Amino acid sequence: MSHWTAADIPDLGERVAIVTGANSGLGWQTTLELARHGAAVTMACRDEARGREALDRVRAEVPTGDVTCRLVDLADLGSVRAFADEVTAAQAGIDVLVNNAGVMAVPYRRTADGFESQLATNHLGHFALTGRLLPALLARPAARVVTVSSTVAVVGRIDFDDLQSTRHYFRWQAYAQSKLANQLFAYELARRAEAAGTSLVSVAAHPGYAATNLQTAGPAMSGHRVRAEFMKIGNRLFAQSDADGARPLLYAATAPGVTGGEYFGPDGFFGQHGFPRRVTPPRQARREDTARRLWAVSEELTGVEYRFVT
């Protein structure tokens, strides 16, 4: 794994992949490299104009690539259901699902389904999407689900007494909760897939500190222009590129030997920069009782039940 880069991705011909949040940043870079190495990729994007522009940029880089764009809003369960129906009608099977889309430290908002927006977008939407795509994933041998987390998960906790932050809302606390939920989901999915006797591989990955628009979106939505500019400066001075940040995601999605329940991130200082490697999840992400409880709550909230029928 030492000094692994996108150039080490194997041939992905005849593989089918979906990347959420694919119009920019890590999602766009992940899409680009999957397409460059032969996969047929669906870019799952929330905004039609941005999705079309991102698709054009990928096609400019990989003119022979098989890339399409479909709309989905992970914060809207109806949109997730419609997207999954469209994809499964078009594809007999899916080899790779990269659950990448997310929001970070945004002002308090409730979604159309009544959920706190960070939990809804980062966790519940991906939980519902993966569950609805599960039959297509199980139709392919050793399909992979890569769920993108963050080093911020280390300070996260799942507050089952106030999961939707209706009593108190602290944007960074809510973000950390959602990123911890990503890991708990990834590892519980791995355990359930193995217990059901399937070959599905579920792993988590984080990009370290990568320069994307994720850092500036929250301040911009709050009207804090100075804070947004400060984040831009921090990105320029300290962050690695989004292409480098995508490497752990791409390794998790494509490298031989990846097994369910693993976690990948950069190998540099405090896991913020560098080449991909296996890393240790935070202690609270390894709590199987918490993961089982979160799974049950997520099924109840989304109305999506996982059926591991091959």
C-alpha atoms as a PDB file:
ATOM      1  CA  MET A   1       0.000   0.000   0.000  1.00  0.00           C
ATOM      2  CA  SER A   2       3.042   2.279   0.344  1.00  0.00           C
ATOM      3  CA  HIS A   3       2.768   5.385  -1.867  1.00  0.00           C
ATOM      4  CA  TRP A   4      -0.349   4.056  -3.601  1.00  0.00           C
ATOM      5  CA  THR A   5      -1.815   6.492  -6.130  1.00  0.00           C
ATOM      6  CA  ALA A   6      -4.643   6.508  -8.648  1.00  0.00           C
ATOM      7  CA  ALA A   7      -2.164   5.155 -11.205  1.00  0.00           C
ATOM      8  CA  ASP A   8      -2.297   1.857  -9.274  1.00  0.00           C
ATOM      9  CA  ILE A   9      -6.031   1.380  -9.827  1.00  0.00           C
ATOM     10  CA  PRO A  10      -6.581  -1.897 -11.719  1.00  0.00           C
ATOM     11  CA  ASP A  11      -8.576  -2.161 -14.922  1.00  0.00           C
ATOM     12  CA  LEU A  12     -12.237  -1.570 -14.079  1.00  0.00           C
ATOM     13  CA  GLY A  13     -13.702  -2.550 -17.430  1.00  0.00           C
ATOM     14  CA  GLU A  14     -17.255  -3.911 -17.134  1.00  0.00           C
ATOM     15  CA  ARG A  15     -17.522  -2.545 -13.574  1.00  0.00           C
ATOM     16  CA  VAL A  16     -20.466  -0.311 -12.668  1.00  0.00           C
ATOM     17  CA  ALA A  17     -20.023   2.424 -10.067  1.00  0.00           C
ATOM     18  CA  ILE A  18     -22.102   5.135  -8.390  1.00  0.00           C
ATOM     19  CA  VAL A  19     -20.565   8.139  -6.643  1.00  0.00           C
ATOM     20  CA  THR A  20     -22.723  10.500  -4.596  1.00  0.00           C
ATOM     21  CA  GLY A  21     -21.802  14.162  -4.358  1.00  0.00           C
ATOM     22  CA  ALA A  22     -19.940  13.765  -7.643  1.00  0.00           C
ATOM     23  CA  ASN A  23     -20.180  17.310  -8.978  1.00  0.00           C
ATOM     24  CA  SER A  24     -17.141  18.629  -7.085  1.00  0.00           C
ATOM     25  CA  GLY A  25     -14.252  17.869  -4.773  1.00  0.00           C
ATOM     26  CA  LEU A  26     -13.659  14.309  -3.644  1.00  0.00           C
ATOM     27  CA  GLY A  27     -16.684  12.982  -5.519  1.00  0.00           C
ATOM     28  CA  TRP A  28     -15.595  14.497  -8.809  1.00  0.00           C
ATOM     29  CA  GLN A  29     -12.032  13.233  -8.439  1.00  0.00           C
ATOM     30  CA  THR A  30     -13.299   9.770  -7.534  1.00  0.00           C
ATOM     31  CA  THR A  31     -15.580   9.745 -10.554  1.00  0.00           C
ATOM     32  CA  LEU A  32     -12.766  10.891 -12.819  1.00  0.00           C
ATOM     33  CA  GLU A  33     -10.378   8.111 -11.794  1.00  0.00           C
ATOM     34  CA  LEU A  34     -13.011   5.368 -11.838  1.00  0.00           C
ATOM     35  CA  ALA A  35     -13.974   6.429 -15.367  1.00  0.00           C
ATOM     36  CA  ARG A  36     -10.338   6.782 -16.437  1.00  0.00           C
ATOM     37  CA  HIS A  37      -9.769   3.137 -15.478  1.00  0.00           C
ATOM     38  CA  GLY A  38     -12.766   1.810 -17.363  1.00  0.00           C
ATOM     39  CA  ALA A  39     -15.729   1.783 -14.976  1.00  0.00           C
ATOM     40  CA  ALA A  40     -19.186   2.880 -16.071  1.00  0.00           C
ATOM     41  CA  VAL A  41     -19.922   5.618 -13.545  1.00  0.00           C
ATOM     42  CA  THR A  42     -23.145   7.299 -12.502  1.00  0.00           C
ATOM     43  CA  MET A  43     -22.566  10.704 -10.970  1.00  0.00           C
ATOM     44  CA  ALA A  44     -25.215  11.257  -8.299  1.00  0.00           C
ATOM     45  CA  CYS A  45     -25.667  15.025  -7.991  1.00  0.00           C
ATOM     46  CA  ARG A  46     -28.172  17.270  -6.236  1.00  0.00           C
ATOM     47  CA  ASP A  47     -28.027  20.243  -8.626  1.00  0.00           C
ATOM     48  CA  GLU A  48     -28.782  19.717 -12.315  1.00  0.00           C
ATOM     49  CA  ALA A  49     -26.676  22.598 -13.682  1.00  0.00           C
ATOM     50  CA  ARG A  50     -23.652  21.747 -11.535  1.00  0.00           C
ATOM     51  CA  GLY A  51     -24.029  18.084 -12.322  1.00  0.00           C
ATOM     52  CA  ARG A  52     -24.107  18.753 -16.057  1.00  0.00           C
ATOM     53  CA  GLU A  53     -21.028  20.983 -15.833  1.00  0.00           C
ATOM     54  CA  ALA A  54     -19.174  18.353 -13.788  1.00  0.00           C
ATOM     55  CA  LEU A  55     -20.136  15.658 -16.276  1.00  0.00           C
ATOM     56  CA  ASP A  56     -18.768  17.784 -19.121  1.00  0.00           C
ATOM     57  CA  ARG A  57     -15.471  18.179 -17.273  1.00  0.00           C
ATOM     58  CA  VAL A  58     -15.128  14.425 -16.762  1.00  0.00           C
ATOM     59  CA  ARG A  59     -15.894  13.776 -20.421  1.00  0.00           C
ATOM     60  CA  ALA A  60     -13.285  16.344 -21.427  1.00  0.00           C
ATOM     61  CA  GLU A  61     -10.697  14.438 -19.375  1.00  0.00           C
ATOM     62  CA  VAL A  62     -11.896  10.955 -20.399  1.00  0.00           C
ATOM     63  CA  PRO A  63     -13.548  11.287 -23.826  1.00  0.00           C
ATOM     64  CA  THR A  64     -14.110   7.537 -24.118  1.00  0.00           C
ATOM     65  CA  GLY A  65     -15.497   7.194 -20.613  1.00  0.00           C
ATOM     66  CA  ASP A  66     -18.935   5.783 -19.872  1.00  0.00           C
ATOM     67  CA  VAL A  67     -20.245   8.440 -17.474  1.00  0.00           C
ATOM     68  CA  THR A  68     -23.755   9.661 -16.793  1.00  0.00           C
ATOM     69  CA  CYS A  69     -25.326  12.045 -14.298  1.00  0.00           C
ATOM     70  CA  ARG A  70     -28.537  11.486 -12.345  1.00  0.00           C
ATOM     71  CA  LEU A  71     -30.165  13.780  -9.810  1.00  0.00           C
ATOM     72  CA  VAL A  72     -30.601  12.862  -6.163  1.00  0.00           C
ATOM     73  CA  ASP A  73     -30.994  14.889  -2.983  1.00  0.00           C
ATOM     74  CA  LEU A  74     -29.728  12.764  -0.102  1.00  0.00           C
ATOM     75  CA  ALA A  75     -31.690  14.951   2.323  1.00  0.00           C
ATOM     76  CA  ASP A  76     -34.976  13.917   0.678  1.00  0.00           C
ATOM     77  CA  LEU A  77     -36.021  10.279   1.050  1.00  0.00           C
ATOM     78  CA  GLY A  78     -38.432  10.589  -1.863  1.00  0.00           C
ATOM     79  CA  SER A  79     -35.582  11.715  -4.085  1.00  0.00           C
ATOM     80  CA  VAL A  80     -33.435   8.820  -2.850  1.00  0.00           C
ATOM     81  CA  ARG A  81     -36.184   6.345  -3.675  1.00  0.00           C
ATOM     82  CA  ALA A  82     -36.692   7.802  -7.175  1.00  0.00           C
ATOM     83  CA  PHE A  83     -32.951   7.753  -7.871  1.00  0.00           C
ATOM     84  CA  ALA A  84     -32.603   4.142  -6.732  1.00  0.00           C
ATOM     85  CA  ASP A  85     -35.556   3.112  -8.887  1.00  0.00           C
ATOM     86  CA  GLU A  86     -34.014   4.802 -11.943  1.00  0.00           C
ATOM     87  CA  VAL A  87     -30.597   3.259 -11.390  1.00  0.00           C
ATOM     88  CA  THR A  88     -31.827  -0.272 -10.764  1.00  0.00           C
ATOM     89  CA  ALA A  89     -34.037  -0.065 -13.841  1.00  0.00           C
ATOM     90  CA  ALA A  90     -30.992   0.894 -15.910  1.00  0.00           C
ATOM     91  CA  GLN A  91     -28.374  -1.373 -14.298  1.00  0.00           C
ATOM     92  CA  ALA A  92     -28.666  -5.084 -13.584  1.00  0.00           C
ATOM     93  CA  GLY A  93     -25.919  -4.856 -10.983  1.00  0.00           C
ATOM     94  CA  ILE A  94     -23.641  -2.397  -9.188  1.00  0.00           C
ATOM     95  CA  ASP A  95     -20.010  -3.142  -8.342  1.00  0.00           C
ATOM     96  CA  VAL A  96     -19.050  -0.005  -6.404  1.00  0.00           C
ATOM     97  CA  LEU A  97     -21.090   2.490  -4.389  1.00  0.00           C
ATOM     98  CA  VAL A  98     -19.200   5.453  -2.945  1.00  0.00           C
ATOM     99  CA  ASN A  99     -21.300   7.213  -0.304  1.00  0.00           C
ATOM    100  CA  ASN A 100     -19.475  10.525  -0.476  1.00  0.00           C
ATOM    101  CA  ALA A 101     -22.013  13.378  -0.524  1.00  0.00           C
ATOM    102  CA  GLY A 102     -22.155  15.476   2.600  1.00  0.00           C
ATOM    103  CA  VAL A 103     -22.565  18.799   4.332  1.00  0.00           C
ATOM    104  CA  MET A 104     -20.424  20.151   7.145  1.00  0.00           C
ATOM    105  CA  ALA A 105     -21.201  22.457  10.064  1.00  0.00           C
ATOM    106  CA  VAL A 106     -24.148  24.151   8.372  1.00  0.00           C
ATOM    107  CA  PRO A 107     -26.809  26.241  10.146  1.00  0.00           C
ATOM    108  CA  TYR A 108     -29.694  24.347  11.722  1.00  0.00           C
ATOM    109  CA  ARG A 109     -32.218  23.185   9.171  1.00  0.00           C
ATOM    110  CA  ARG A 110     -34.903  20.530   9.024  1.00  0.00           C
ATOM    111  CA  THR A 111     -35.409  18.501   5.866  1.00  0.00           C
ATOM    112  CA  ALA A 112     -38.714  17.805   4.152  1.00  0.00           C
ATOM    113  CA  ASP A 113     -38.797  14.545   6.122  1.00  0.00           C
ATOM    114  CA  GLY A 114     -38.327  16.423   9.408  1.00  0.00           C
ATOM    115  CA  PHE A 115     -34.714  15.424  10.064  1.00  0.00           C
ATOM    116  CA  GLU A 116     -31.755  17.585  11.081  1.00  0.00           C
ATOM    117  CA  SER A 117     -29.996  18.293   7.788  1.00  0.00           C
ATOM    118  CA  GLN A 118     -26.491  16.999   8.582  1.00  0.00           C
ATOM    119  CA  LEU A 119     -27.732  13.692   9.956  1.00  0.00           C
ATOM    120  CA  ALA A 120     -30.186  13.427   7.057  1.00  0.00           C
ATOM    121  CA  THR A 121     -27.672  14.138   4.290  1.00  0.00           C
ATOM    122  CA  ASN A 122     -24.580  12.470   5.660  1.00  0.00           C
ATOM    123  CA  HIS A 123     -26.087   9.360   7.230  1.00  0.00           C
ATOM    124  CA  LEU A 124     -29.804   8.701   6.757  1.00  0.00           C
ATOM    125  CA  GLY A 125     -29.799   9.448   3.031  1.00  0.00           C
ATOM    126  CA  HIS A 126     -26.898   7.093   2.425  1.00  0.00           C
ATOM    127  CA  PHE A 127     -28.434   4.442   4.691  1.00  0.00           C
ATOM    128  CA  ALA A 128     -31.616   4.577   2.628  1.00  0.00           C
ATOM    129  CA  LEU A 129     -29.770   4.684  -0.691  1.00  0.00           C
ATOM    130  CA  THR A 130     -27.554   1.699   0.106  1.00  0.00           C
ATOM    131  CA  GLY A 131     -30.535  -0.307   1.309  1.00  0.00           C
ATOM    132  CA  ARG A 132     -32.522   0.424  -1.838  1.00  0.00           C
ATOM    133  CA  LEU A 133     -29.537  -0.475  -4.028  1.00  0.00           C
ATOM    134  CA  LEU A 134     -28.709  -3.603  -2.027  1.00  0.00           C
ATOM    135  CA  PRO A 135     -30.270  -6.104  -4.489  1.00  0.00           C
ATOM    136  CA  ALA A 136     -28.184  -4.626  -7.322  1.00  0.00           C
ATOM    137  CA  LEU A 137     -25.052  -4.723  -5.154  1.00  0.00           C
ATOM    138  CA  LEU A 138     -25.668  -8.350  -4.174  1.00  0.00           C
ATOM    139  CA  ALA A 139     -26.085  -9.206  -7.851  1.00  0.00           C
ATOM    140  CA  ARG A 140     -22.346  -8.634  -8.363  1.00  0.00           C
ATOM    141  CA  PRO A 141     -19.595 -10.694  -6.711  1.00  0.00           C
ATOM    142  CA  ALA A 142     -17.691  -8.836  -3.985  1.00  0.00           C
ATOM    143  CA  ALA A 143     -19.388  -5.509  -4.649  1.00  0.00           C
ATOM    144  CA  ARG A 144     -18.035  -2.689  -2.494  1.00  0.00           C
ATOM    145  CA  VAL A 145     -19.740   0.017  -0.483  1.00  0.00           C
ATOM    146  CA  VAL A 146     -17.376   2.809   0.570  1.00  0.00           C
ATOM    147  CA  THR A 147     -18.829   5.241   3.095  1.00  0.00           C
ATOM    148  CA  VAL A 148     -16.886   8.462   3.585  1.00  0.00           C
ATOM    149  CA  SER A 149     -16.297   9.585   7.146  1.00  0.00           C
ATOM    150  CA  SER A 150     -13.993  12.165   8.737  1.00  0.00           C
ATOM    151  CA  THR A 151     -11.343  12.390  11.436  1.00  0.00           C
ATOM    152  CA  VAL A 152     -13.880  14.579  13.269  1.00  0.00           C
ATOM    153  CA  ALA A 153     -15.733  11.347  14.087  1.00  0.00           C
ATOM    154  CA  VAL A 154     -13.236  10.833  16.899  1.00  0.00           C
ATOM    155  CA  VAL A 155     -15.088  13.452  18.969  1.00  0.00           C
ATOM    156  CA  GLY A 156     -18.544  12.329  17.883  1.00  0.00           C
ATOM    157  CA  ARG A 157     -21.196  10.565  19.885  1.00  0.00           C
ATOM    158  CA  ILE A 158     -24.657   9.348  18.955  1.00  0.00           C
ATOM    159  CA  ASP A 159     -27.174  11.215  21.088  1.00  0.00           C
ATOM    160  CA  PHE A 160     -30.162   8.886  20.904  1.00  0.00           C
ATOM    161  CA  ASP A 161     -32.079  11.142  23.295  1.00  0.00           C
ATOM    162  CA  ASP A 162     -31.804  14.089  20.892  1.00  0.00           C
ATOM    163  CA  LEU A 163     -30.765  12.561  17.588  1.00  0.00           C
ATOM    164  CA  GLN A 164     -32.313  15.381  15.539  1.00  0.00           C
ATOM    165  CA  SER A 165     -30.817  18.148  17.731  1.00  0.00           C
ATOM    166  CA  THR A 166     -34.233  19.550  18.573  1.00  0.00           C
ATOM    167  CA  ARG A 167     -33.214  20.559  22.105  1.00  0.00           C
ATOM    168  CA  HIS A 168     -29.768  21.934  21.379  1.00  0.00           C
ATOM    169  CA  TYR A 169     -27.925  22.398  18.113  1.00  0.00           C
ATOM    170  CA  PHE A 170     -24.176  22.809  17.872  1.00  0.00           C
ATOM    171  CA  ARG A 171     -23.183  22.551  14.241  1.00  0.00           C
ATOM    172  CA  TRP A 172     -19.815  20.862  14.764  1.00  0.00           C
ATOM    173  CA  GLN A 173     -21.262  18.432  17.288  1.00  0.00           C
ATOM    174  CA  ALA A 174     -23.995  17.500  14.809  1.00  0.00           C
ATOM    175  CA  TYR A 175     -21.401  17.061  12.071  1.00  0.00           C
ATOM    176  CA  ALA A 176     -19.243  14.823  14.280  1.00  0.00           C
ATOM    177  CA  GLN A 177     -22.315  12.742  15.150  1.00  0.00           C
ATOM    178  CA  SER A 178     -23.142  12.258  11.464  1.00  0.00           C
ATOM    179  CA  LYS A 179     -19.572  11.247  10.601  1.00  0.00           C
ATOM    180  CA  LEU A 180     -19.484   8.764  13.479  1.00  0.00           C
ATOM    181  CA  ALA A 181     -22.796   7.430  12.183  1.00  0.00           C
ATOM    182  CA  ASN A 182     -21.111   6.865   8.802  1.00  0.00           C
ATOM    183  CA  GLN A 183     -18.541   4.590  10.401  1.00  0.00           C
ATOM    184  CA  LEU A 184     -21.004   2.740  12.602  1.00  0.00           C
ATOM    185  CA  PHE A 185     -23.116   2.097   9.500  1.00  0.00           C
ATOM    186  CA  ALA A 186     -20.171   0.901   7.394  1.00  0.00           C
ATOM    187  CA  TYR A 187     -18.989  -1.616   9.993  1.00  0.00           C
ATOM    188  CA  GLU A 188     -22.475  -2.865  10.873  1.00  0.00           C
ATOM    189  CA  LEU A 189     -23.209  -3.364   7.176  1.00  0.00           C
ATOM    190  CA  ALA A 190     -19.993  -5.381   6.909  1.00  0.00           C
ATOM    191  CA  ARG A 191     -20.993  -7.580   9.846  1.00  0.00           C
ATOM    192  CA  ARG A 192     -24.511  -8.157   8.530  1.00  0.00           C
ATOM    193  CA  ALA A 193     -23.297  -8.894   5.007  1.00  0.00           C
ATOM    194  CA  GLU A 194     -20.832 -11.476   6.346  1.00  0.00           C
ATOM    195  CA  ALA A 195     -23.410 -13.049   8.685  1.00  0.00           C
ATOM    196  CA  ALA A 196     -25.787 -13.409   5.731  1.00  0.00           C
ATOM    197  CA  GLY A 197     -23.132 -15.269   3.766  1.00  0.00           C
ATOM    198  CA  THR A 198     -22.788 -12.641   1.046  1.00  0.00           C
ATOM    199  CA  SER A 199     -19.589 -11.391  -0.579  1.00  0.00           C
ATOM    200  CA  LEU A 200     -20.506  -7.710  -0.167  1.00  0.00           C
ATOM    201  CA  VAL A 201     -17.590  -5.625   1.135  1.00  0.00           C
ATOM    202  CA  SER A 202     -18.441  -2.576   3.251  1.00  0.00           C
ATOM    203  CA  VAL A 203     -15.657  -0.241   4.365  1.00  0.00           C
ATOM    204  CA  ALA A 204     -15.136   3.342   5.500  1.00  0.00           C
ATOM    205  CA  ALA A 205     -12.612   5.936   4.364  1.00  0.00           C
ATOM    206  CA  HIS A 206     -11.658   9.495   5.174  1.00  0.00           C
ATOM    207  CA  PRO A 207      -9.738  12.047   3.084  1.00  0.00           C
ATOM    208  CA  GLY A 208      -7.772  13.812   5.801  1.00  0.00           C
ATOM    209  CA  TYR A 209      -7.662  17.565   5.290  1.00  0.00           C
ATOM    210  CA  ALA A 210      -8.464  18.056   1.617  1.00  0.00           C
ATOM    211  CA  ALA A 211      -9.269  21.347  -0.083  1.00  0.00           C
ATOM    212  CA  THR A 212     -12.925  21.209  -1.149  1.00  0.00           C
ATOM    213  CA  ASN A 213     -15.901  23.536  -0.955  1.00  0.00           C
ATOM    214  CA  LEU A 214     -17.113  21.636   2.114  1.00  0.00           C
ATOM    215  CA  GLN A 215     -15.111  23.914   4.407  1.00  0.00           C
ATOM    216  CA  THR A 216     -16.570  27.137   3.031  1.00  0.00           C
ATOM    217  CA  ALA A 217     -20.208  26.110   2.514  1.00  0.00           C
ATOM    218  CA  GLY A 218     -21.195  26.325   6.176  1.00  0.00           C
ATOM    219  CA  PRO A 219     -19.821  29.843   6.795  1.00  0.00           C
ATOM    220  CA  ALA A 220     -21.259  31.027   3.489  1.00  0.00           C
ATOM    221  CA  MET A 221     -24.716  29.723   4.385  1.00  0.00           C
ATOM    222  CA  SER A 222     -24.473  31.529   7.733  1.00  0.00           C
ATOM    223  CA  GLY A 223     -23.478  34.789   6.087  1.00  0.00           C
ATOM    224  CA  HIS A 224     -20.011  34.744   7.662  1.00  0.00           C
ATOM    225  CA  ARG A 225     -17.941  36.005   4.745  1.00  0.00           C
ATOM    226  CA  VAL A 226     -14.826  36.572   6.844  1.00  0.00           C
ATOM    227  CA  ARG A 227     -14.975  33.034   8.207  1.00  0.00           C
ATOM    228  CA  ALA A 228     -15.460  31.669   4.700  1.00  0.00           C
ATOM    229  CA  GLU A 229     -12.417  33.584   3.470  1.00  0.00           C
ATOM    230  CA  PHE A 230     -10.425  32.307   6.441  1.00  0.00           C
ATOM    231  CA  MET A 231     -11.342  28.743   5.503  1.00  0.00           C
ATOM    232  CA  LYS A 232     -10.251  29.385   1.924  1.00  0.00           C
ATOM    233  CA  ILE A 233      -6.876  30.615   3.160  1.00  0.00           C
ATOM    234  CA  GLY A 234      -6.553  27.538   5.382  1.00  0.00           C
ATOM    235  CA  ASN A 235      -7.267  25.332   2.391  1.00  0.00           C
ATOM    236  CA  ARG A 236      -4.556  27.017   0.348  1.00  0.00           C
ATOM    237  CA  LEU A 237      -1.944  26.907   3.106  1.00  0.00           C
ATOM    238  CA  PHE A 238      -2.533  23.597   4.854  1.00  0.00           C
ATOM    239  CA  ALA A 239      -4.813  21.267   2.885  1.00  0.00           C
ATOM    240  CA  GLN A 240      -3.846  18.654   0.368  1.00  0.00           C
ATOM    241  CA  SER A 241      -5.586  18.707  -2.989  1.00  0.00           C
ATOM    242  CA  ASP A 242      -8.964  17.103  -3.525  1.00  0.00           C
ATOM    243  CA  ALA A 243      -7.241  14.643  -5.886  1.00  0.00           C
ATOM    244  CA  ASP A 244      -4.936  13.539  -3.073  1.00  0.00           C
ATOM    245  CA  GLY A 245      -7.823  13.476  -0.613  1.00  0.00           C
ATOM    246  CA  ALA A 246      -9.705  11.106  -2.909  1.00  0.00           C
ATOM    247  CA  ARG A 247      -6.934   8.494  -2.802  1.00  0.00           C
ATOM    248  CA  PRO A 248      -8.174   6.674   0.337  1.00  0.00           C
ATOM    249  CA  LEU A 249     -11.665   6.508  -1.198  1.00  0.00           C
ATOM    250  CA  LEU A 250     -10.282   5.128  -4.438  1.00  0.00           C
ATOM    251  CA  TYR A 251      -8.091   2.615  -2.637  1.00  0.00           C
ATOM    252  CA  ALA A 252     -11.067   1.403  -0.621  1.00  0.00           C
ATOM    253  CA  ALA A 253     -13.149   1.123  -3.784  1.00  0.00           C
ATOM    254  CA  THR A 254     -10.674  -0.603  -6.085  1.00  0.00           C
ATOM    255  CA  ALA A 255      -7.564  -2.064  -4.466  1.00  0.00           C
ATOM    256  CA  PRO A 256      -7.211  -5.852  -4.259  1.00  0.00           C
ATOM    257  CA  GLY A 257      -7.350  -7.377  -0.802  1.00  0.00           C
ATOM    258  CA  VAL A 258      -9.749  -4.921   0.816  1.00  0.00           C
ATOM    259  CA  THR A 259     -12.008  -6.699   3.309  1.00  0.00           C
ATOM    260  CA  GLY A 260     -15.209  -5.717   5.045  1.00  0.00           C
ATOM    261  CA  GLY A 261     -15.004  -3.534   8.135  1.00  0.00           C
ATOM    262  CA  GLU A 262     -11.723  -1.825   7.259  1.00  0.00           C
ATOM    263  CA  TYR A 263     -11.062   1.911   7.475  1.00  0.00           C
ATOM    264  CA  PHE A 264      -8.700   3.853   5.204  1.00  0.00           C
ATOM    265  CA  GLY A 265      -7.152   7.300   5.453  1.00  0.00           C
ATOM    266  CA  PRO A 266      -3.922   9.217   4.723  1.00  0.00           C
ATOM    267  CA  ASP A 267      -0.703   7.986   6.302  1.00  0.00           C
ATOM    268  CA  GLY A 268       0.765  11.408   7.154  1.00  0.00           C
ATOM    269  CA  PHE A 269       0.830  13.605  10.248  1.00  0.00           C
ATOM    270  CA  PHE A 270      -2.362  13.055  12.296  1.00  0.00           C
ATOM    271  CA  GLY A 271      -3.903  11.418   9.237  1.00  0.00           C
ATOM    272  CA  GLN A 272      -4.374  14.737   7.461  1.00  0.00           C
ATOM    273  CA  HIS A 273      -2.142  14.235   4.416  1.00  0.00           C
ATOM    274  CA  GLY A 274      -0.411  11.467   2.561  1.00  0.00           C
ATOM    275  CA  PHE A 275      -0.951   8.153   0.870  1.00  0.00           C
ATOM    276  CA  PRO A 276      -3.760   5.739   1.777  1.00  0.00           C
ATOM    277  CA  ARG A 277      -3.343   3.156   4.488  1.00  0.00           C
ATOM    278  CA  ARG A 278      -5.491   1.130   6.864  1.00  0.00           C
ATOM    279  CA  VAL A 279      -6.227   3.173   9.973  1.00  0.00           C
ATOM    280  CA  THR A 280      -7.836   2.404  13.322  1.00  0.00           C
ATOM    281  CA  PRO A 281     -11.403   3.629  13.820  1.00  0.00           C
ATOM    282  CA  PRO A 282     -12.176   5.604  16.974  1.00  0.00           C
ATOM    283  CA  ARG A 283     -13.269   3.521  19.935  1.00  0.00           C
ATOM    284  CA  GLN A 284     -16.901   4.635  19.775  1.00  0.00           C
ATOM    285  CA  ALA A 285     -17.123   3.536  16.120  1.00  0.00           C
ATOM    286  CA  ARG A 286     -16.330  -0.013  17.221  1.00  0.00           C
ATOM    287  CA  ARG A 287     -19.255  -0.235  19.648  1.00  0.00           C
ATOM    288  CA  GLU A 288     -21.433  -2.968  18.167  1.00  0.00           C
ATOM    289  CA  ASP A 289     -24.304  -2.242  20.553  1.00  0.00           C
ATOM    290  CA  THR A 290     -24.385   1.394  19.414  1.00  0.00           C
ATOM    291  CA  ALA A 291     -24.198   0.315  15.787  1.00  0.00           C
ATOM    292  CA  ARG A 292     -27.117  -2.100  16.162  1.00  0.00           C
ATOM    293  CA  ARG A 293     -29.232   0.534  17.887  1.00  0.00           C
ATOM    294  CA  LEU A 294     -28.420   3.162  15.260  1.00  0.00           C
ATOM    295  CA  TRP A 295     -29.274   0.648  12.513  1.00  0.00           C
ATOM    296  CA  ALA A 296     -32.689  -0.032  14.058  1.00  0.00           C
ATOM    297  CA  VAL A 297     -33.394   3.686  14.446  1.00  0.00           C
ATOM    298  CA  SER A 298     -32.250   4.342  10.871  1.00  0.00           C
ATOM    299  CA  GLU A 299     -34.567   1.653   9.507  1.00  0.00           C
ATOM    300  CA  GLU A 300     -37.454   3.163  11.450  1.00  0.00           C
ATOM    301  CA  LEU A 301     -36.738   6.728  10.316  1.00  0.00           C
ATOM    302  CA  THR A 302     -36.142   5.920   6.646  1.00  0.00           C
ATOM    303  CA  GLY A 303     -38.595   3.057   6.236  1.00  0.00           C
ATOM    304  CA  VAL A 304     -35.853   1.057   4.485  1.00  0.00           C
ATOM    305  CA  GLU A 305     -35.179  -2.506   5.625  1.00  0.00           C
ATOM    306  CA  TYR A 306     -32.152  -4.429   4.426  1.00  0.00           C
ATOM    307  CA  ARG A 307     -32.832  -7.853   2.935  1.00  0.00           C
ATOM    308  CA  PHE A 308     -29.690  -9.863   2.206  1.00  0.00           C
ATOM    309  CA  VAL A 309     -31.206 -12.156  -0.397  1.00  0.00           C
ATOM    310  CA  THR A 310     -28.828 -13.244  -3.152  1.00  0.00           C
END
